[in-house]
Amino acid sequence: MSPVNVSGAMMKSIILTGKPEKRSDITQFLSVSESVPKPSIKANEVLVRVKASGLNIEDVIIGVGRMMVSITATKEAPVVLGQEFSGVVEEVGSNVKGLKQGDKVLDTNSD
């Protein structure tokens, strides 16, 4: 289930708008959108203003449906990609410890 956008604010994102038949065709379905609804965070989440993001091979494999992840991207319901990023914490959920607004962060989607 996607986070609810209660503010009406928008954000810029890399989106996937369809499912390519093969990895080399993924660029036909990738674009940058300036009008993705900004998500509202839950108590255990933070919202990061992303300064840099990269698509890795796992993003591509998910996009073509070859991972154990079930996503279906369409033009009407695109999927935001980019697991690896750096940025600045913009909002902090009430249960989050160790991070505050303005902190610089990096995530490489590793455990």
N, C-alpha and C. Protein backbone atom coordinates (compact mmCIF):
# COMPACT_ATOMS: atom_id res chain seq x y z
N MET A 1 0.83 -1.17 0.00
CA MET A 1 0.00 0.00 0.00
C MET A 1 0.88 1.24 0.00
N SER A 2 0.58 2.19 -0.84
CA SER A 2 1.38 3.41 -0.96
C SER A 2 1.05 4.38 0.16
N PRO A 3 2.07 5.16 0.59
CA PRO A 3 1.81 6.18 1.60
C PRO A 3 0.81 7.21 1.07
N VAL A 4 0.03 7.76 1.96
CA VAL A 4 -0.99 8.74 1.59
C VAL A 4 -0.36 10.13 1.53
N ASN A 5 -0.72 10.89 0.52
CA ASN A 5 -0.26 12.26 0.37
C ASN A 5 -1.36 13.17 0.90
N VAL A 6 -1.16 13.71 2.09
CA VAL A 6 -2.18 14.57 2.68
C VAL A 6 -1.91 16.05 2.41
N SER A 7 -0.68 16.38 2.05
CA SER A 7 -0.32 17.78 1.88
C SER A 7 -0.61 18.31 0.48
N GLY A 8 -0.70 17.42 -0.50
CA GLY A 8 -0.87 17.86 -1.87
C GLY A 8 0.45 18.26 -2.52
N ALA A 9 1.55 18.19 -1.77
CA ALA A 9 2.87 18.55 -2.30
C ALA A 9 3.36 17.48 -3.27
N MET A 10 4.20 17.89 -4.19
CA MET A 10 4.74 16.98 -5.19
C MET A 10 6.25 16.88 -5.05
N MET A 11 6.83 15.82 -5.63
CA MET A 11 8.27 15.63 -5.62
C MET A 11 8.72 15.12 -6.99
N LYS A 12 10.02 15.22 -7.23
CA LYS A 12 10.62 14.74 -8.46
C LYS A 12 11.11 13.31 -8.25
N SER A 13 10.84 12.42 -9.20
CA SER A 13 11.22 11.01 -9.05
C SER A 13 11.53 10.37 -10.39
N ILE A 14 12.35 9.33 -10.34
CA ILE A 14 12.54 8.45 -11.49
C ILE A 14 11.41 7.43 -11.43
N ILE A 15 10.65 7.32 -12.50
CA ILE A 15 9.51 6.40 -12.48
C ILE A 15 9.60 5.37 -13.61
N LEU A 16 9.03 4.22 -13.32
CA LEU A 16 8.90 3.14 -14.29
C LEU A 16 7.42 3.07 -14.66
N THR A 17 7.10 3.12 -15.96
CA THR A 17 5.71 3.20 -16.39
C THR A 17 5.22 1.98 -17.17
N GLY A 18 5.98 0.91 -17.13
CA GLY A 18 5.57 -0.31 -17.83
C GLY A 18 6.57 -1.42 -17.57
N LYS A 19 6.28 -2.59 -18.10
CA LYS A 19 7.15 -3.76 -17.88
C LYS A 19 7.80 -4.16 -19.20
N PRO A 20 9.12 -3.94 -19.31
CA PRO A 20 9.79 -4.33 -20.56
C PRO A 20 9.90 -5.84 -20.67
N GLU A 21 10.01 -6.31 -21.89
CA GLU A 21 10.17 -7.74 -22.14
C GLU A 21 11.56 -8.22 -21.73
N LYS A 22 12.57 -7.35 -21.91
CA LYS A 22 13.94 -7.72 -21.56
C LYS A 22 14.64 -6.51 -20.95
N ARG A 23 15.74 -6.77 -20.23
CA ARG A 23 16.45 -5.71 -19.51
C ARG A 23 16.86 -4.56 -20.41
N SER A 24 17.31 -4.85 -21.59
CA SER A 24 17.80 -3.79 -22.47
C SER A 24 16.70 -2.83 -22.93
N ASP A 25 15.45 -3.19 -22.75
CA ASP A 25 14.33 -2.34 -23.15
C ASP A 25 13.83 -1.44 -22.03
N ILE A 26 14.43 -1.50 -20.85
CA ILE A 26 13.89 -0.77 -19.70
C ILE A 26 13.88 0.74 -19.92
N THR A 27 14.83 1.26 -20.69
CA THR A 27 14.87 2.72 -20.89
C THR A 27 13.63 3.25 -21.60
N GLN A 28 12.93 2.40 -22.31
CA GLN A 28 11.68 2.81 -22.96
C GLN A 28 10.59 3.12 -21.94
N PHE A 29 10.75 2.64 -20.71
CA PHE A 29 9.72 2.80 -19.69
C PHE A 29 10.18 3.68 -18.52
N LEU A 30 11.38 4.24 -18.59
CA LEU A 30 11.89 5.10 -17.53
C LEU A 30 11.75 6.56 -17.90
N SER A 31 11.40 7.39 -16.91
CA SER A 31 11.35 8.82 -17.13
C SER A 31 11.49 9.53 -15.78
N VAL A 32 11.70 10.82 -15.85
CA VAL A 32 11.75 11.64 -14.64
C VAL A 32 10.44 12.41 -14.58
N SER A 33 9.78 12.33 -13.45
CA SER A 33 8.51 13.04 -13.26
C SER A 33 8.67 14.09 -12.17
N GLU A 34 8.13 15.25 -12.40
CA GLU A 34 8.15 16.35 -11.42
C GLU A 34 6.87 16.34 -10.58
N SER A 35 5.96 15.41 -10.87
CA SER A 35 4.64 15.47 -10.23
C SER A 35 4.23 14.19 -9.51
N VAL A 36 5.16 13.59 -8.78
CA VAL A 36 4.85 12.42 -7.96
C VAL A 36 4.41 12.93 -6.58
N PRO A 37 3.27 12.47 -6.09
CA PRO A 37 2.81 12.94 -4.78
C PRO A 37 3.84 12.66 -3.67
N LYS A 38 4.13 13.67 -2.87
CA LYS A 38 5.06 13.52 -1.74
C LYS A 38 4.36 12.67 -0.67
N PRO A 39 5.01 11.59 -0.22
CA PRO A 39 4.35 10.70 0.75
C PRO A 39 4.30 11.30 2.15
N SER A 40 3.32 10.89 2.90
CA SER A 40 3.24 11.22 4.32
C SER A 40 3.92 10.08 5.07
N ILE A 41 4.70 10.42 6.09
CA ILE A 41 5.45 9.38 6.80
C ILE A 41 4.66 8.82 7.96
N LYS A 42 5.05 7.60 8.35
CA LYS A 42 4.49 6.94 9.53
C LYS A 42 5.41 7.21 10.71
N ALA A 43 5.01 6.79 11.89
CA ALA A 43 5.75 7.08 13.12
C ALA A 43 7.16 6.51 13.12
N ASN A 44 7.40 5.43 12.39
CA ASN A 44 8.72 4.80 12.37
C ASN A 44 9.50 5.08 11.08
N GLU A 45 9.14 6.12 10.36
CA GLU A 45 9.77 6.44 9.08
C GLU A 45 10.36 7.85 9.08
N VAL A 46 11.25 8.08 8.12
CA VAL A 46 11.75 9.43 7.85
C VAL A 46 11.51 9.73 6.38
N LEU A 47 11.39 11.00 6.07
CA LEU A 47 11.29 11.45 4.69
C LEU A 47 12.59 12.16 4.35
N VAL A 48 13.22 11.72 3.27
CA VAL A 48 14.52 12.26 2.86
C VAL A 48 14.36 13.03 1.56
N ARG A 49 14.88 14.25 1.55
CA ARG A 49 14.98 15.01 0.29
C ARG A 49 16.23 14.48 -0.41
N VAL A 50 16.02 13.74 -1.47
CA VAL A 50 17.11 13.07 -2.16
C VAL A 50 17.90 14.08 -2.98
N LYS A 51 19.21 14.03 -2.80
CA LYS A 51 20.12 14.89 -3.57
C LYS A 51 20.77 14.13 -4.71
N ALA A 52 20.98 12.82 -4.53
CA ALA A 52 21.55 11.98 -5.58
C ALA A 52 20.98 10.58 -5.44
N SER A 53 20.70 9.96 -6.58
CA SER A 53 20.14 8.61 -6.58
C SER A 53 20.68 7.87 -7.79
N GLY A 54 20.76 6.57 -7.65
CA GLY A 54 21.22 5.77 -8.77
C GLY A 54 20.35 4.54 -8.94
N LEU A 55 20.20 4.13 -10.18
CA LEU A 55 19.52 2.88 -10.46
C LEU A 55 20.59 1.80 -10.57
N ASN A 56 20.38 0.71 -9.86
CA ASN A 56 21.33 -0.39 -9.94
C ASN A 56 20.69 -1.57 -10.66
N ILE A 57 21.44 -2.63 -10.81
CA ILE A 57 20.94 -3.79 -11.55
C ILE A 57 19.70 -4.39 -10.87
N GLU A 58 19.62 -4.31 -9.56
CA GLU A 58 18.44 -4.84 -8.88
C GLU A 58 17.18 -4.05 -9.25
N ASP A 59 17.28 -2.73 -9.38
CA ASP A 59 16.14 -1.93 -9.84
C ASP A 59 15.68 -2.40 -11.22
N VAL A 60 16.65 -2.64 -12.10
CA VAL A 60 16.33 -3.08 -13.46
C VAL A 60 15.67 -4.46 -13.43
N ILE A 61 16.22 -5.37 -12.64
CA ILE A 61 15.65 -6.73 -12.57
C ILE A 61 14.25 -6.70 -11.98
N ILE A 62 14.03 -5.87 -10.97
CA ILE A 62 12.67 -5.71 -10.42
C ILE A 62 11.75 -5.16 -11.50
N GLY A 63 12.25 -4.19 -12.25
CA GLY A 63 11.45 -3.57 -13.31
C GLY A 63 10.99 -4.53 -14.38
N VAL A 64 11.81 -5.53 -14.68
CA VAL A 64 11.42 -6.50 -15.71
C VAL A 64 10.72 -7.73 -15.11
N GLY A 65 10.51 -7.70 -13.78
CA GLY A 65 9.75 -8.77 -13.14
C GLY A 65 10.51 -10.04 -12.89
N ARG A 66 11.82 -9.95 -12.68
CA ARG A 66 12.61 -11.16 -12.47
C ARG A 66 13.12 -11.28 -11.04
N MET A 67 12.49 -10.63 -10.10
CA MET A 67 12.86 -10.74 -8.68
C MET A 67 11.64 -11.27 -7.94
N MET A 68 11.85 -11.60 -6.69
CA MET A 68 10.75 -12.09 -5.85
C MET A 68 9.93 -10.92 -5.30
N VAL A 69 9.81 -9.89 -6.09
CA VAL A 69 9.06 -8.69 -5.71
C VAL A 69 7.93 -8.53 -6.71
N SER A 70 6.75 -8.30 -6.21
CA SER A 70 5.60 -8.17 -7.10
C SER A 70 5.24 -6.70 -7.29
N ILE A 71 5.66 -6.13 -8.42
CA ILE A 71 5.25 -4.77 -8.76
C ILE A 71 4.73 -4.79 -10.19
N THR A 72 3.78 -3.97 -10.44
CA THR A 72 3.28 -3.81 -11.80
C THR A 72 3.23 -2.33 -12.08
N ALA A 73 4.12 -1.86 -12.91
CA ALA A 73 4.16 -0.45 -13.27
C ALA A 73 3.33 -0.22 -14.53
N THR A 74 2.51 0.83 -14.49
CA THR A 74 1.73 1.24 -15.66
C THR A 74 1.84 2.76 -15.78
N LYS A 75 1.38 3.30 -16.91
CA LYS A 75 1.36 4.76 -17.06
C LYS A 75 0.45 5.41 -16.02
N GLU A 76 -0.62 4.73 -15.67
CA GLU A 76 -1.58 5.26 -14.69
C GLU A 76 -1.08 5.12 -13.25
N ALA A 77 -0.28 4.10 -13.00
CA ALA A 77 0.24 3.83 -11.65
C ALA A 77 1.73 3.49 -11.75
N PRO A 78 2.58 4.50 -11.99
CA PRO A 78 4.02 4.23 -12.13
C PRO A 78 4.65 3.84 -10.80
N VAL A 79 5.82 3.22 -10.89
CA VAL A 79 6.58 2.81 -9.71
C VAL A 79 7.83 3.68 -9.62
N VAL A 80 8.11 4.21 -8.42
CA VAL A 80 9.31 5.01 -8.19
C VAL A 80 10.49 4.08 -7.96
N LEU A 81 11.57 4.28 -8.70
CA LEU A 81 12.77 3.45 -8.58
C LEU A 81 13.91 4.26 -7.95
N GLY A 82 14.94 3.55 -7.52
CA GLY A 82 16.13 4.18 -6.98
C GLY A 82 16.35 3.78 -5.53
N GLN A 83 16.96 2.62 -5.31
CA GLN A 83 17.17 2.11 -3.96
C GLN A 83 18.37 2.75 -3.27
N GLU A 84 19.30 3.24 -4.05
CA GLU A 84 20.52 3.81 -3.48
C GLU A 84 20.45 5.32 -3.61
N PHE A 85 20.64 6.03 -2.50
CA PHE A 85 20.49 7.48 -2.54
C PHE A 85 21.24 8.15 -1.39
N SER A 86 21.43 9.45 -1.55
CA SER A 86 21.91 10.28 -0.45
C SER A 86 21.03 11.52 -0.43
N GLY A 87 20.93 12.13 0.74
CA GLY A 87 20.10 13.32 0.86
C GLY A 87 20.08 13.87 2.26
N VAL A 88 19.05 14.65 2.53
CA VAL A 88 18.90 15.33 3.81
C VAL A 88 17.54 14.98 4.41
N VAL A 89 17.52 14.62 5.69
CA VAL A 89 16.27 14.29 6.37
C VAL A 89 15.39 15.53 6.42
N GLU A 90 14.18 15.38 5.89
CA GLU A 90 13.23 16.49 5.84
C GLU A 90 12.17 16.39 6.94
N GLU A 91 11.70 15.17 7.21
CA GLU A 91 10.71 14.94 8.27
C GLU A 91 11.10 13.69 9.03
N VAL A 92 10.77 13.65 10.33
CA VAL A 92 11.11 12.52 11.19
C VAL A 92 9.85 12.05 11.90
N GLY A 93 9.57 10.75 11.81
CA GLY A 93 8.43 10.17 12.50
C GLY A 93 8.64 10.20 14.01
N SER A 94 7.56 10.17 14.75
CA SER A 94 7.60 10.33 16.22
C SER A 94 8.35 9.20 16.94
N ASN A 95 8.47 8.02 16.34
CA ASN A 95 9.16 6.90 16.99
C ASN A 95 10.61 6.75 16.55
N VAL A 96 11.10 7.61 15.67
CA VAL A 96 12.45 7.49 15.12
C VAL A 96 13.45 8.07 16.11
N LYS A 97 14.49 7.31 16.38
CA LYS A 97 15.58 7.74 17.27
C LYS A 97 16.87 7.82 16.46
N GLY A 98 17.72 8.76 16.75
CA GLY A 98 19.03 8.85 16.12
C GLY A 98 19.10 9.67 14.85
N LEU A 99 17.99 10.16 14.37
CA LEU A 99 17.98 11.04 13.21
C LEU A 99 17.13 12.27 13.51
N LYS A 100 17.54 13.39 12.93
CA LYS A 100 16.76 14.62 13.11
C LYS A 100 16.70 15.36 11.79
N GLN A 101 15.77 16.28 11.68
CA GLN A 101 15.64 17.10 10.49
C GLN A 101 16.96 17.79 10.20
N GLY A 102 17.40 17.73 8.94
CA GLY A 102 18.65 18.36 8.54
C GLY A 102 19.84 17.42 8.49
N ASP A 103 19.71 16.22 9.08
CA ASP A 103 20.81 15.25 9.02
C ASP A 103 21.06 14.80 7.59
N LYS A 104 22.33 14.65 7.22
CA LYS A 104 22.69 14.10 5.92
C LYS A 104 22.71 12.58 6.05
N VAL A 105 22.13 11.89 5.05
CA VAL A 105 22.04 10.43 5.12
C VAL A 105 22.43 9.81 3.78
N LEU A 106 22.81 8.54 3.87
CA LEU A 106 23.16 7.72 2.71
C LEU A 106 22.53 6.36 2.92
N ASP A 107 21.89 5.81 1.89
CA ASP A 107 21.34 4.47 1.99
C ASP A 107 21.74 3.67 0.76
N THR A 108 22.25 2.48 1.00
CA THR A 108 22.62 1.60 -0.11
C THR A 108 21.77 0.35 -0.12
N ASN A 109 20.66 0.37 0.64
CA ASN A 109 19.73 -0.75 0.70
C ASN A 109 20.39 -2.04 1.14
N SER A 110 21.34 -1.93 2.06
CA SER A 110 21.96 -3.13 2.60
C SER A 110 21.52 -3.30 4.05
N ASP A 111 21.51 -4.53 4.50
CA ASP A 111 21.07 -4.80 5.88
C ASP A 111 22.16 -4.55 6.88
